[in-house]
Structure formats: structure tokens, C-alpha cells
Amino acid sequence: MYKSYNFEEIESRVDDLKKIDSNFSFEKKLKKGDLFFVIEIKDEIIGYAFLTKENKDYFLNRIFVKKDERFKSYGKKLIFFIVNTEIKKGSLIVDNPREICNFLIKIGFEKNEDEVYLLKNLEEKDSRKKEGQKTVISSILWNIILAVTKIGFGTISNSRALLADGFNSLSDVVTSTGILLGIHFSNMPEDDAHPFGHEKIESVIGVVMGIFMILTAFELGKGGIELLLSGEKREVPSTVAIYFALFSSLVKYFMYKQKMRVGIETENRALIADAKDSRNDIFSSLGVVLGIGLSIVINPVFDLIISILVSVLIFKEGVHVILDITDTILDKQDTEFLDEIKKYINENTEIKNVHDLTMRKSGDKIFLEFHIRMPKDMSLYRAHKIADDLENSIKQDFPLVKNITIHLDCIIN
């Protein structure tokens, strides 16, 4: 658990600090700009950091972690906790690194010509937005290429299956554009009208994407069935259609891997849904290859049948996408995550009773609510401080948690 200490708290824990660091020294007064942070496990101090603020920059005077706890990266975690909760701009500077030079380099500090170590550009980078946008823009460009080539050569080569696969890629252009808009709007900061942020736009975009997939599937399937029932004689598709279908499946595979990786890393529901659509496109394109091959060898009707099957796959995935995102909209509880939060509190704090844990998701962000019990004679300041420290610690170790509401109950007996 991460905590910030004031003068009185440091003074009351001097003996504990000297137990883990024999070189610890404490002046009887904290100057303006001095900051003191500790890591505790069940009220036992295992590390601390002492900083001084001068103008926009922060100087790390000392950081120390108990020797048998260093392999757990507590020093790194403490630095990033300080950066995320206290330091917003400027640089974190170490001008007396001594034996921690390697540690500083490992966590991103840079050494200048004066042997001073600096951690620059401390504003949190919006990597989620940038990575998501880059992936979706790449997907749009590739889907435009695939749609144009498959629709064009599907028409020229008399392949209804390749034509259907082309319209599938065209629908992907529309849905990916929707996701791009979702990433943009969901990363807008909170405002008076939307105090919880705009992340739910991702879920809305995901549902719209699912509906669009269902409508596309319906139109493709309807056209294929009408042609099949008409008994109209079909021309044998050209062999060239096979090569474009194989090329499409290869491109879709790499698109699926990239979108799924970024979607999981950034917890972007709409991007994960789009990745699943790309995965199904792999099989639909391979099915097109099979249908064209059977049409050439056996009967042209197979090309038509495959086009209908492709529309069924698109329909199925559209329904799945809507049902999956509906769980998020309806605040389905992730019991494994809630158990992990409860375990984290039990293992790292002296809080004895954690109950009524609930959560809701908005985009990739998690909003937590729970109750904790405190002794009835504890001061309001102390109880509030414990709740604040717990909130900051959870946010540090669970980066997707955006906001926490902690209700304080009292222990009567």
C-alpha cells in the first residue's frame, strides 16, 4: 500500500524507518516543497522515498526499499506511484545517484553530461488512443484495398462468393470508421455534463457495428438465396478469383492479430469486436477459395452456396458482438476481478472487513464501489487518510481503475 506522510507521521515512525535503513535521518521539520512517501504491507514499512519540489522540477533525495523485498520491484512501483499521483509536469531529478544508477536507468531515467539522472516528460502519454487509432486507420486502408479488388474481380470473374466477401470488407470499412470515431470521443476528458467521462461511446459504437454486420449479412444472404431459388444458370468463376480470396485471408490474419493484441492491451471492447470480425473474415475468405474451387471442378452452384454461408457467418458474429457488449452496458460483474481487489486489500492493509464490492465498466475504465469497517473511535482525519491511501494504491496497481467510491462503516463492538 502506498502512502504520503506528513511531519507527524514520519516522526511517529522514525524507529521503523531506521530498522529497514540504518542511514535514515530525519530533520525535525519538513520544509515547503518536501514530500515523503512510503510503501507499507499491513502497516509494516518496506520502503520510502523523500523528494523536494523546486519550481516545476522534483528532486529525489533518497529512495530505499527493504533488502529482502527489492526483487518485487517496489522501488519502481513507488517511483511510478509518485509520478502518477503527485508529479504532473516537469522532471524528476537525481543528482546523487550513488549505488542506484542501474536502477534509475532501468526505469527510464536518462543521464546527462553532468552525471545527473532525469526522468523527463512526466505527463501521462495517451498511448491507448494513439495505438488504437494507428491500428484502426491501418485496418481501414487495407479493407478499402480488399473491398475494391474483391468486388471488382468478383464481378469480372463471375464469382458471387468473392463479390460477397468484397462487400464484407466494405462493411468493415464502415465499422472501423465508427471505431475510430469511438476512440476519439471516448478519450475526451470529463466535463460538467459527463462527469464520468465519455468511454461508454465505445460500447455504443460496438452495438452499432453489430447491427451493421447483421444488416449486411441479411442483404448478402437474401440476394444469394434469391439467385439460388431462381434456378438461373451460373457461369463458372475464373481461377483468378481464388488468388484474391487467398490474398484476402492472409491480410485478414495479420489484421486480426494486430487488432486483438491492441484491443486486449488497451481493453477496447469495440476493437476486440472488430478483431473477431477479422478472424471470421479469414474463414469466410478460405470458404470462398473452397467454393470457387468446387464451382470450377464440380458445379457453379457451390460459389453461390458459399456466398450464403459467408452471410450466415457475418450474421452470427454480429449477434455475438451485440450480446457481448450488452454485458458491459448492463454492468455485468467480473467476480474474478472483484476477488482480486478484495485479496489485494486483505494482503496489503490492516483493514479487516471489506464488503459490498461492486463494479461497472465504461470503455476500458473500471469504476469501483465498496465498504470498509473502521474502529468507531478513530478520528475522521485518520479514517479519511486510510481511504485515500487505499484508493491511490489500487489505482497505481490496477491502472484500469479510474474511480473508487469507498464507504466507511464503523466497528461497534
Protein backbone atom coordinates (compact mmCIF):
# COMPACT_ATOMS: atom_id res chain seq x y z
CA MET A 1 0.00 0.00 0.00
CA TYR A 2 1.34 3.42 -0.96
CA LYS A 3 1.06 6.39 1.39
CA SER A 4 2.15 10.00 1.64
CA TYR A 5 3.43 11.00 5.10
CA ASN A 6 3.21 14.35 6.86
CA PHE A 7 5.62 15.56 9.56
CA GLU A 8 3.78 13.92 12.48
CA GLU A 9 3.51 10.55 10.70
CA ILE A 10 7.23 10.48 9.87
CA GLU A 11 8.12 11.43 13.44
CA SER A 12 5.98 8.59 14.84
CA ARG A 13 7.63 6.02 12.53
CA VAL A 14 11.30 7.03 12.80
CA ASP A 15 12.25 3.83 14.63
CA ASP A 16 10.52 1.67 11.98
CA LEU A 17 12.29 3.56 9.20
CA LYS A 18 15.67 3.12 10.87
CA LYS A 19 15.06 -0.62 11.15
CA ILE A 20 14.99 -1.00 7.38
CA ASP A 21 17.52 1.76 6.64
CA SER A 22 20.26 2.39 9.21
CA ASN A 23 21.25 5.55 7.29
CA PHE A 24 17.80 7.09 7.62
CA SER A 25 17.95 10.58 9.11
CA PHE A 26 15.11 12.91 9.91
CA GLU A 27 15.22 16.62 10.44
CA LYS A 28 12.74 17.94 12.92
CA LYS A 29 11.00 19.97 10.28
CA LEU A 30 9.72 19.44 6.76
CA LYS A 31 10.40 22.41 4.53
CA LYS A 32 7.96 23.71 1.95
CA GLY A 33 8.20 21.51 -1.12
CA ASP A 34 9.36 18.40 0.79
CA LEU A 35 7.42 15.23 0.03
CA PHE A 36 7.67 11.87 1.80
CA PHE A 37 6.15 8.61 0.52
CA VAL A 38 6.22 5.06 1.90
CA ILE A 39 5.18 1.54 0.90
CA GLU A 40 3.51 -0.47 3.64
CA ILE A 41 2.29 -4.05 3.90
CA LYS A 42 -0.08 -4.48 6.84
CA ASP A 43 1.31 -1.34 8.48
CA GLU A 44 4.93 -2.55 8.11
CA ILE A 45 7.10 -0.08 6.20
CA ILE A 46 9.14 -1.80 3.48
CA GLY A 47 10.30 1.25 1.52
CA TYR A 48 10.25 5.01 1.32
CA ALA A 49 11.14 7.95 -0.94
CA PHE A 50 11.96 11.54 0.01
CA LEU A 51 11.60 14.34 -2.56
CA THR A 52 11.91 18.09 -2.75
CA LYS A 53 9.99 20.26 -5.20
CA GLU A 54 11.70 23.29 -6.72
CA ASN A 55 9.65 25.25 -9.24
CA LYS A 56 8.33 22.65 -11.73
CA ASP A 57 11.00 20.04 -11.04
CA TYR A 58 11.24 17.40 -8.33
CA PHE A 59 14.49 16.14 -6.76
CA LEU A 60 14.67 12.60 -5.44
CA ASN A 61 16.79 12.97 -2.31
CA ARG A 62 16.61 9.33 -1.28
CA ILE A 63 14.75 6.13 -2.14
CA PHE A 64 15.16 2.94 -0.15
CA VAL A 65 13.48 -0.47 -0.17
CA LYS A 66 13.96 -3.19 2.42
CA LYS A 67 16.63 -5.57 1.15
CA ASP A 68 14.59 -8.79 1.05
CA GLU A 69 11.72 -7.01 -0.77
CA ARG A 70 13.69 -5.47 -3.64
CA PHE A 71 13.14 -8.34 -6.10
CA LYS A 72 9.43 -7.42 -6.19
CA SER A 73 10.12 -4.10 -8.00
CA TYR A 74 8.76 -2.00 -5.14
CA GLY A 75 11.24 0.78 -5.90
CA LYS A 76 9.94 1.07 -9.45
CA LYS A 77 6.34 0.91 -8.27
CA LEU A 78 6.95 3.63 -5.71
CA ILE A 79 8.52 5.94 -8.30
CA PHE A 80 5.61 5.49 -10.71
CA PHE A 81 3.11 5.96 -7.88
CA ILE A 82 4.71 9.32 -7.08
CA VAL A 83 4.77 10.30 -10.75
CA ASN A 84 1.12 9.37 -11.30
CA THR A 85 -0.30 10.89 -8.11
CA GLU A 86 1.92 13.86 -7.32
CA ILE A 87 4.07 14.88 -10.27
CA LYS A 88 2.19 16.10 -13.33
CA LYS A 89 4.76 18.14 -15.25
CA GLY A 90 8.44 18.91 -15.22
CA SER A 91 11.20 16.40 -14.47
CA LEU A 92 12.20 14.06 -11.68
CA ILE A 93 15.90 14.61 -11.00
CA VAL A 94 18.52 12.57 -9.11
CA ASP A 95 21.84 14.38 -8.71
CA ASN A 96 23.35 11.99 -6.13
CA PRO A 97 22.58 8.54 -7.58
CA ARG A 98 25.38 6.62 -5.82
CA GLU A 99 24.58 2.87 -5.88
CA ILE A 100 21.17 3.18 -7.61
CA CYS A 101 22.44 4.19 -11.07
CA ASN A 102 21.42 0.91 -12.74
CA PHE A 103 18.01 1.03 -11.07
CA LEU A 104 17.38 4.55 -12.39
CA ILE A 105 18.34 3.62 -15.96
CA LYS A 106 16.09 0.54 -15.89
CA ILE A 107 13.01 2.61 -15.05
CA GLY A 108 13.58 5.25 -17.72
CA PHE A 109 15.94 7.87 -16.26
CA GLU A 110 18.45 9.46 -18.62
CA LYS A 111 21.95 10.57 -17.60
CA ASN A 112 23.15 13.96 -18.83
CA GLU A 113 26.70 15.27 -19.20
CA ASP A 114 26.75 16.43 -15.57
CA GLU A 115 26.13 12.88 -14.26
CA VAL A 116 22.61 13.92 -13.28
CA TYR A 117 19.76 11.47 -13.88
CA LEU A 118 16.46 12.81 -15.19
CA LEU A 119 13.03 11.35 -15.81
CA LYS A 120 11.54 13.73 -18.36
CA ASN A 121 8.10 14.40 -19.83
CA LEU A 122 6.14 13.17 -16.84
CA GLU A 123 2.74 13.95 -18.35
CA GLU A 124 0.92 10.66 -18.85
CA LYS A 125 1.10 9.65 -22.51
CA ASP A 126 -2.18 8.81 -24.18
CA SER A 127 -0.73 5.64 -25.70
CA ARG A 128 -4.09 3.87 -25.72
CA LYS A 129 -5.62 6.45 -28.01
CA LYS A 130 -2.61 6.64 -30.35
CA GLU A 131 -2.11 2.88 -30.61
CA GLY A 132 -5.82 2.28 -31.19
CA GLN A 133 -6.07 4.99 -33.84
CA LYS A 134 -3.00 3.73 -35.69
CA THR A 135 -4.36 0.18 -35.76
CA VAL A 136 -7.83 1.20 -36.94
CA ILE A 137 -6.51 3.55 -39.66
CA SER A 138 -4.34 0.71 -40.98
CA SER A 139 -7.41 -1.56 -40.95
CA ILE A 140 -9.48 0.98 -42.90
CA LEU A 141 -6.83 1.36 -45.61
CA TRP A 142 -6.39 -2.39 -46.04
CA ASN A 143 -10.14 -3.02 -46.10
CA ILE A 144 -10.60 -0.38 -48.80
CA ILE A 145 -7.95 -2.17 -50.89
CA LEU A 146 -9.57 -5.57 -50.28
CA ALA A 147 -13.11 -4.30 -50.94
CA VAL A 148 -12.19 -2.65 -54.25
CA THR A 149 -10.20 -5.64 -55.53
CA LYS A 150 -12.68 -8.32 -54.43
CA ILE A 151 -15.79 -6.52 -55.69
CA GLY A 152 -14.04 -5.65 -58.96
CA PHE A 153 -12.58 -9.08 -59.63
CA GLY A 154 -15.65 -10.82 -58.20
CA THR A 155 -17.70 -9.11 -60.91
CA ILE A 156 -15.13 -9.74 -63.66
CA SER A 157 -14.56 -13.40 -62.70
CA ASN A 158 -18.29 -14.18 -62.20
CA SER A 159 -17.76 -15.19 -58.56
CA ARG A 160 -20.73 -14.37 -56.33
CA ALA A 161 -18.76 -15.63 -53.30
CA LEU A 162 -15.82 -13.26 -53.93
CA LEU A 163 -18.29 -10.43 -54.55
CA ALA A 164 -19.98 -11.14 -51.19
CA ASP A 165 -16.59 -11.24 -49.49
CA GLY A 166 -15.83 -7.85 -51.06
CA PHE A 167 -18.98 -6.32 -49.60
CA ASN A 168 -17.99 -7.84 -46.27
CA SER A 169 -14.70 -5.92 -46.47
CA LEU A 170 -16.64 -2.79 -47.43
CA SER A 171 -18.76 -3.16 -44.30
CA ASP A 172 -15.53 -3.45 -42.32
CA VAL A 173 -14.51 -0.03 -43.65
CA VAL A 174 -17.68 1.48 -42.21
CA THR A 175 -17.40 -0.27 -38.84
CA SER A 176 -13.69 0.56 -38.49
CA THR A 177 -14.50 4.20 -39.20
CA GLY A 178 -17.07 4.00 -36.41
CA ILE A 179 -14.46 2.56 -34.06
CA LEU A 180 -12.05 5.37 -34.97
CA LEU A 181 -14.71 7.90 -34.01
CA GLY A 182 -15.38 5.93 -30.81
CA ILE A 183 -11.70 6.03 -29.80
CA HIS A 184 -11.63 9.78 -30.38
CA PHE A 185 -14.78 10.63 -28.44
CA SER A 186 -14.22 8.12 -25.62
CA ASN A 187 -10.86 9.75 -24.82
CA MET A 188 -12.40 13.18 -24.38
CA PRO A 189 -11.94 14.44 -20.81
CA GLU A 190 -14.79 14.64 -18.31
CA ASP A 191 -16.98 17.72 -18.34
CA ASP A 192 -19.91 19.08 -16.34
CA ALA A 193 -22.44 17.25 -18.48
CA HIS A 194 -20.45 13.99 -18.48
CA PRO A 195 -18.67 13.74 -15.09
CA PHE A 196 -17.89 10.03 -15.61
CA GLY A 197 -16.18 10.59 -18.96
CA HIS A 198 -17.11 9.51 -22.48
CA GLU A 199 -15.79 5.92 -22.54
CA LYS A 200 -19.26 4.38 -22.98
CA ILE A 201 -19.25 5.70 -26.54
CA GLU A 202 -17.09 2.66 -27.34
CA SER A 203 -19.92 0.35 -26.29
CA VAL A 204 -22.43 2.34 -28.35
CA ILE A 205 -20.15 2.12 -31.39
CA GLY A 206 -19.76 -1.63 -30.79
CA VAL A 207 -23.53 -2.17 -30.80
CA VAL A 208 -23.94 -0.09 -33.96
CA MET A 209 -21.18 -2.17 -35.54
CA GLY A 210 -23.02 -5.38 -34.62
CA ILE A 211 -26.28 -4.09 -36.10
CA PHE A 212 -24.50 -3.05 -39.30
CA MET A 213 -22.97 -6.55 -39.58
CA ILE A 214 -26.43 -8.13 -39.22
CA LEU A 215 -27.94 -5.87 -41.88
CA THR A 216 -25.04 -6.55 -44.27
CA ALA A 217 -25.42 -10.30 -43.70
CA PHE A 218 -29.16 -10.11 -44.33
CA GLU A 219 -28.77 -8.32 -47.65
CA LEU A 220 -26.00 -10.65 -48.87
CA GLY A 221 -27.89 -13.76 -47.80
CA LYS A 222 -31.13 -12.55 -49.28
CA GLY A 223 -29.51 -11.87 -52.68
CA GLY A 224 -27.79 -15.28 -52.70
CA ILE A 225 -30.93 -17.20 -51.79
CA GLU A 226 -32.97 -15.39 -54.47
CA LEU A 227 -30.42 -16.35 -57.12
CA LEU A 228 -30.31 -19.94 -55.86
CA LEU A 229 -34.11 -20.30 -55.95
CA SER A 230 -34.37 -18.66 -59.37
CA GLY A 231 -32.61 -21.63 -60.97
CA GLU A 232 -30.66 -19.27 -63.17
CA LYS A 233 -27.68 -20.94 -64.82
CA ARG A 234 -24.42 -19.75 -63.31
CA GLU A 235 -21.16 -19.23 -65.17
CA VAL A 236 -18.04 -20.97 -63.91
CA PRO A 237 -15.91 -18.47 -61.91
CA SER A 238 -12.44 -17.63 -63.16
CA THR A 239 -9.41 -19.17 -61.42
CA VAL A 240 -8.03 -15.68 -60.72
CA ALA A 241 -10.74 -15.23 -58.06
CA ILE A 242 -9.02 -17.90 -55.94
CA TYR A 243 -5.81 -15.86 -55.71
CA PHE A 244 -7.61 -12.76 -54.49
CA ALA A 245 -9.50 -14.77 -51.88
CA LEU A 246 -6.21 -16.28 -50.62
CA PHE A 247 -4.61 -12.84 -50.51
CA SER A 248 -7.59 -11.55 -48.51
CA SER A 249 -7.35 -14.34 -45.93
CA LEU A 250 -3.63 -13.65 -45.44
CA VAL A 251 -4.18 -9.91 -44.93
CA LYS A 252 -7.11 -10.57 -42.57
CA TYR A 253 -4.96 -12.87 -40.45
CA PHE A 254 -2.38 -10.16 -39.77
CA MET A 255 -5.15 -7.61 -39.20
CA TYR A 256 -6.79 -9.95 -36.68
CA LYS A 257 -3.55 -10.49 -34.73
CA GLN A 258 -2.78 -6.76 -34.57
CA LYS A 259 -6.29 -5.65 -33.62
CA MET A 260 -6.68 -8.35 -30.99
CA ARG A 261 -3.29 -7.51 -29.44
CA VAL A 262 -4.03 -3.79 -29.23
CA GLY A 263 -7.64 -4.38 -28.17
CA ILE A 264 -6.59 -6.62 -25.26
CA GLU A 265 -3.73 -4.34 -24.19
CA THR A 266 -5.97 -1.27 -24.19
CA GLU A 267 -9.20 -3.03 -23.10
CA ASN A 268 -11.01 -1.56 -26.12
CA ARG A 269 -14.21 -3.56 -26.49
CA ALA A 270 -15.05 -2.21 -29.94
CA LEU A 271 -11.56 -3.00 -31.25
CA ILE A 272 -11.73 -6.55 -29.84
CA ALA A 273 -15.10 -6.99 -31.55
CA ASP A 274 -13.57 -5.75 -34.80
CA ALA A 275 -10.68 -8.21 -34.37
CA LYS A 276 -13.16 -11.08 -34.03
CA ASP A 277 -14.83 -9.92 -37.23
CA SER A 278 -11.43 -10.01 -38.97
CA ARG A 279 -10.89 -13.54 -37.63
CA ASN A 280 -14.19 -14.67 -39.16
CA ASP A 281 -13.19 -12.96 -42.40
CA ILE A 282 -10.21 -15.33 -42.59
CA PHE A 283 -12.52 -18.33 -42.64
CA SER A 284 -15.00 -16.68 -44.97
CA SER A 285 -12.20 -15.93 -47.48
CA LEU A 286 -10.91 -19.51 -47.20
CA GLY A 287 -14.50 -20.66 -47.71
CA VAL A 288 -14.62 -18.54 -50.85
CA VAL A 289 -11.49 -20.34 -52.07
CA LEU A 290 -13.21 -23.67 -51.46
CA GLY A 291 -16.44 -22.55 -53.12
CA ILE A 292 -14.69 -21.25 -56.23
CA GLY A 293 -12.63 -24.44 -56.47
CA LEU A 294 -15.73 -26.65 -56.21
CA SER A 295 -17.53 -24.44 -58.72
CA ILE A 296 -14.72 -24.90 -61.25
CA VAL A 297 -14.37 -28.66 -60.66
CA ILE A 298 -17.97 -29.73 -59.95
CA ASN A 299 -20.74 -27.15 -60.34
CA PRO A 300 -21.01 -23.30 -60.28
CA VAL A 301 -23.79 -23.57 -57.66
CA PHE A 302 -21.13 -24.06 -54.95
CA ASP A 303 -19.96 -20.48 -55.44
CA LEU A 304 -23.49 -19.31 -54.67
CA ILE A 305 -23.83 -21.59 -51.64
CA ILE A 306 -20.56 -20.31 -50.18
CA SER A 307 -21.73 -16.71 -50.58
CA ILE A 308 -24.82 -17.57 -48.50
CA LEU A 309 -22.67 -19.26 -45.84
CA VAL A 310 -20.45 -16.18 -45.67
CA SER A 311 -23.53 -14.06 -44.94
CA VAL A 312 -24.55 -16.50 -42.17
CA LEU A 313 -21.11 -16.15 -40.54
CA ILE A 314 -21.36 -12.36 -40.66
CA PHE A 315 -24.85 -12.51 -39.11
CA LYS A 316 -23.70 -14.83 -36.31
CA GLU A 317 -20.74 -12.63 -35.39
CA GLY A 318 -22.93 -9.51 -35.41
CA VAL A 319 -25.29 -11.09 -32.87
CA HIS A 320 -22.33 -12.19 -30.73
CA VAL A 321 -20.83 -8.71 -30.73
CA ILE A 322 -24.11 -7.15 -29.55
CA LEU A 323 -24.61 -9.72 -26.77
CA ASP A 324 -21.01 -9.36 -25.58
CA ILE A 325 -21.17 -5.56 -25.36
CA THR A 326 -24.60 -5.71 -23.74
CA ASP A 327 -22.94 -7.34 -20.70
CA THR A 328 -20.80 -4.23 -20.32
CA ILE A 329 -23.73 -1.85 -20.74
CA LEU A 330 -25.73 -3.81 -18.13
CA ASP A 331 -22.77 -3.70 -15.66
CA LYS A 332 -22.17 -7.44 -15.50
CA GLN A 333 -19.90 -8.09 -12.52
CA ASP A 334 -16.42 -9.56 -13.06
CA THR A 335 -16.25 -11.73 -9.94
CA GLU A 336 -12.62 -12.72 -10.53
CA PHE A 337 -11.54 -9.08 -10.64
CA LEU A 338 -13.54 -8.22 -7.52
CA ASP A 339 -11.98 -11.17 -5.67
CA GLU A 340 -8.56 -9.90 -6.76
CA ILE A 341 -9.32 -6.45 -5.31
CA LYS A 342 -10.51 -7.97 -2.04
CA LYS A 343 -7.39 -10.15 -1.82
CA TYR A 344 -5.20 -7.12 -2.54
CA ILE A 345 -6.77 -5.16 0.35
CA ASN A 346 -6.56 -8.11 2.76
CA GLU A 347 -2.90 -8.82 1.95
CA ASN A 348 -1.62 -5.22 1.96
CA THR A 349 -3.60 -3.40 4.64
CA GLU A 350 -4.86 -3.79 8.19
CA ILE A 351 -8.45 -3.33 7.03
CA LYS A 352 -10.35 -6.29 8.43
CA ASN A 353 -13.68 -6.08 6.73
CA VAL A 354 -14.23 -5.35 3.03
CA HIS A 355 -17.74 -5.93 1.74
CA ASP A 356 -20.36 -4.93 -0.84
CA LEU A 357 -17.83 -4.76 -3.68
CA THR A 358 -19.41 -3.74 -6.98
CA MET A 359 -18.02 -2.51 -10.28
CA ARG A 360 -19.07 -1.10 -13.61
CA LYS A 361 -17.12 -0.61 -16.80
CA SER A 362 -17.09 2.34 -19.15
CA GLY A 363 -14.96 1.57 -22.18
CA ASP A 364 -11.73 0.21 -20.73
CA LYS A 365 -12.14 2.03 -17.41
CA ILE A 366 -13.42 0.44 -14.20
CA PHE A 367 -15.44 2.22 -11.50
CA LEU A 368 -15.31 0.50 -8.10
CA GLU A 369 -17.50 0.81 -5.04
CA PHE A 370 -17.07 -0.98 -1.71
CA HIS A 371 -17.46 -0.65 2.07
CA ILE A 372 -14.75 -0.96 4.73
CA ARG A 373 -15.13 -1.02 8.52
CA MET A 374 -13.13 1.25 10.82
CA PRO A 375 -12.99 1.47 14.65
CA LYS A 376 -15.74 3.76 15.92
CA ASP A 377 -13.29 5.86 17.96
CA MET A 378 -10.95 6.53 15.02
CA SER A 379 -10.69 10.18 14.02
CA LEU A 380 -12.35 11.31 10.81
CA TYR A 381 -8.97 12.54 9.55
CA ARG A 382 -7.33 9.15 10.11
CA ALA A 383 -10.18 7.20 8.50
CA HIS A 384 -10.22 9.57 5.53
CA LYS A 385 -6.44 9.25 5.15
CA ILE A 386 -6.63 5.44 5.14
CA ALA A 387 -9.37 5.54 2.49
CA ASP A 388 -7.37 7.99 0.34
CA ASP A 389 -4.20 5.90 0.57
CA LEU A 390 -6.13 2.76 -0.31
CA GLU A 391 -7.74 4.46 -3.32
CA ASN A 392 -4.39 5.73 -4.64
CA SER A 393 -2.75 2.34 -4.11
CA ILE A 394 -5.44 0.45 -6.02
CA LYS A 395 -5.27 2.94 -8.88
CA GLN A 396 -1.49 2.52 -9.01
CA ASP A 397 -1.50 -1.29 -9.11
CA PHE A 398 -4.69 -1.62 -11.21
CA PRO A 399 -4.24 1.06 -13.92
CA LEU A 400 -7.67 0.47 -15.49
CA VAL A 401 -9.44 1.52 -12.30
CA LYS A 402 -10.50 5.12 -12.95
CA ASN A 403 -12.56 5.95 -9.88
CA ILE A 404 -13.23 4.39 -6.46
CA THR A 405 -16.01 5.17 -4.01
CA ILE A 406 -15.25 3.89 -0.51
CA HIS A 407 -17.99 3.91 2.13
CA LEU A 408 -16.76 3.92 5.73
CA ASP A 409 -18.69 1.79 8.25
CA CYS A 410 -17.79 1.70 11.94
CA ILE A 411 -16.97 -1.32 14.07
CA ILE A 412 -19.30 -1.01 17.03
CA ASN A 413 -18.02 -3.86 19.19
